[in-house]
Protein backbone atom coordinates (compact mmCIF):
# COMPACT_ATOMS: atom_id res chain seq x y z
CA UNK A 1 0.00 0.00 0.00
CA UNK A 2 1.35 3.41 -0.97
CA UNK A 3 0.81 6.44 1.20
CA UNK A 4 0.70 9.88 -0.41
CA UNK A 5 2.64 12.69 1.18
CA UNK A 6 0.04 15.10 2.49
CA UNK A 7 2.15 18.25 2.81
CA UNK A 8 3.68 20.88 0.57
CA UNK A 9 6.61 23.11 1.54
CA UNK A 10 7.57 26.25 -0.40
CA UNK A 11 10.55 28.44 0.44
CA UNK A 12 11.45 32.05 -0.32
CA UNK A 13 14.95 32.92 0.95
CA UNK A 14 16.73 36.17 0.09
CA UNK A 15 19.68 35.43 2.39
CA UNK A 16 18.45 37.82 5.07
CA UNK A 17 14.89 36.69 5.67
CA UNK A 18 13.17 33.50 4.64
CA UNK A 19 9.54 32.51 4.49
CA UNK A 20 8.69 28.80 4.59
CA UNK A 21 5.05 28.09 3.70
CA UNK A 22 3.66 24.73 4.71
CA UNK A 23 0.27 23.37 3.74
CA UNK A 24 -1.35 20.08 4.64
CA UNK A 25 -0.41 17.76 7.47
CA UNK A 26 2.85 17.77 9.45
CA UNK A 27 3.31 14.32 10.93
CA UNK A 28 6.03 11.69 11.16
CA UNK A 29 5.94 11.15 7.39
CA UNK A 30 6.05 14.82 6.37
CA UNK A 31 8.02 16.58 9.11
CA UNK A 32 11.31 15.73 7.32
CA UNK A 33 10.15 17.97 4.44
CA UNK A 34 9.91 20.90 6.85
CA UNK A 35 13.21 20.09 8.55
CA UNK A 36 15.05 19.76 5.22
CA UNK A 37 13.68 23.11 4.05
CA UNK A 38 14.76 24.85 7.27
CA UNK A 39 18.21 23.21 7.23
CA UNK A 40 18.91 24.58 3.73
CA UNK A 41 18.05 28.20 4.56
CA UNK A 42 20.76 30.82 4.37
CA UNK A 43 18.74 33.50 6.17
CA UNK A 44 19.01 33.80 9.96
CA UNK A 45 15.51 35.29 10.26
CA UNK A 46 12.74 32.87 9.37
CA UNK A 47 8.96 33.02 9.18
CA UNK A 48 7.23 29.65 9.22
CA UNK A 49 3.85 30.20 7.61
CA UNK A 50 1.72 27.36 8.94
CA UNK A 51 -1.65 28.94 8.17
CA UNK A 52 -2.36 26.16 5.67
CA UNK A 53 -1.56 23.35 8.11
CA UNK A 54 -4.59 21.20 8.88
CA UNK A 55 -2.92 18.76 11.29
CA UNK A 56 0.30 18.70 13.30
CA UNK A 57 1.57 15.76 15.31
CA UNK A 58 4.33 15.53 17.88
CA UNK A 59 6.98 15.18 15.18
CA UNK A 60 5.81 18.51 13.78
CA UNK A 61 6.20 20.12 17.19
CA UNK A 62 9.70 18.66 17.43
CA UNK A 63 10.49 20.17 14.01
CA UNK A 64 9.33 23.59 15.21
CA UNK A 65 11.53 23.36 18.30
CA UNK A 66 14.54 22.38 16.18
CA UNK A 67 13.87 25.30 13.84
CA UNK A 68 13.75 27.66 16.84
CA UNK A 69 17.07 26.30 18.17
CA UNK A 70 18.62 26.75 14.72
CA UNK A 71 17.49 30.37 14.54
CA UNK A 72 18.76 31.03 18.08
CA UNK A 73 22.12 29.47 17.20
CA UNK A 74 22.47 31.75 14.16
CA UNK A 75 21.55 34.82 16.19
CA UNK A 76 18.37 35.13 14.16
CA UNK A 77 14.69 34.88 14.86
CA UNK A 78 11.85 32.49 14.16
CA UNK A 79 8.31 33.76 13.79
CA UNK A 80 5.23 31.62 13.24
CA UNK A 81 2.02 32.29 11.35
CA UNK A 82 -0.36 29.58 12.45
CA UNK A 83 -3.68 28.00 11.62
CA UNK A 84 -6.26 27.46 14.33
CA UNK A 85 -5.26 23.81 14.57
CA UNK A 86 -1.59 24.67 15.16
CA UNK A 87 -2.44 27.45 17.62
CA UNK A 88 -4.67 25.05 19.60
CA UNK A 89 -1.87 22.47 19.70
CA UNK A 90 0.71 25.04 20.85
CA UNK A 91 -1.66 26.22 23.57
CA UNK A 92 -2.48 22.66 24.67
CA UNK A 93 1.22 21.80 24.94
CA UNK A 94 2.03 25.15 26.56
CA UNK A 95 4.54 26.03 23.86
CA UNK A 96 3.06 29.38 22.86
CA UNK A 97 5.61 31.20 25.03
CA UNK A 98 8.50 29.48 23.20
CA UNK A 99 7.53 31.01 19.84
CA UNK A 100 6.79 34.44 18.48
CA UNK A 101 3.40 34.08 16.82
CA UNK A 102 2.28 36.65 14.26
CA UNK A 103 -1.38 37.58 13.98
């Protein structure tokens, strides 16, 4: 049985600021897509646009935490734009204070 990847990741990186747009589901199968995109960025300041994310599992949360550590290590910043589902998950796991969330 084949399983389709249910996420899409698009990146805009000008070397100073990057925007990573993710749509679909971020779970154990798709979180590597997000992590690979973040690992290849040249910009220290990153916006993760998760407004199109319909589901996020624990592996997605781990990916967000790794992205935040990467930005911290580069002296940059990580900002999130989130869907209701992601915001609810961040609130439930008490991680909202770890991230800067844009309205």
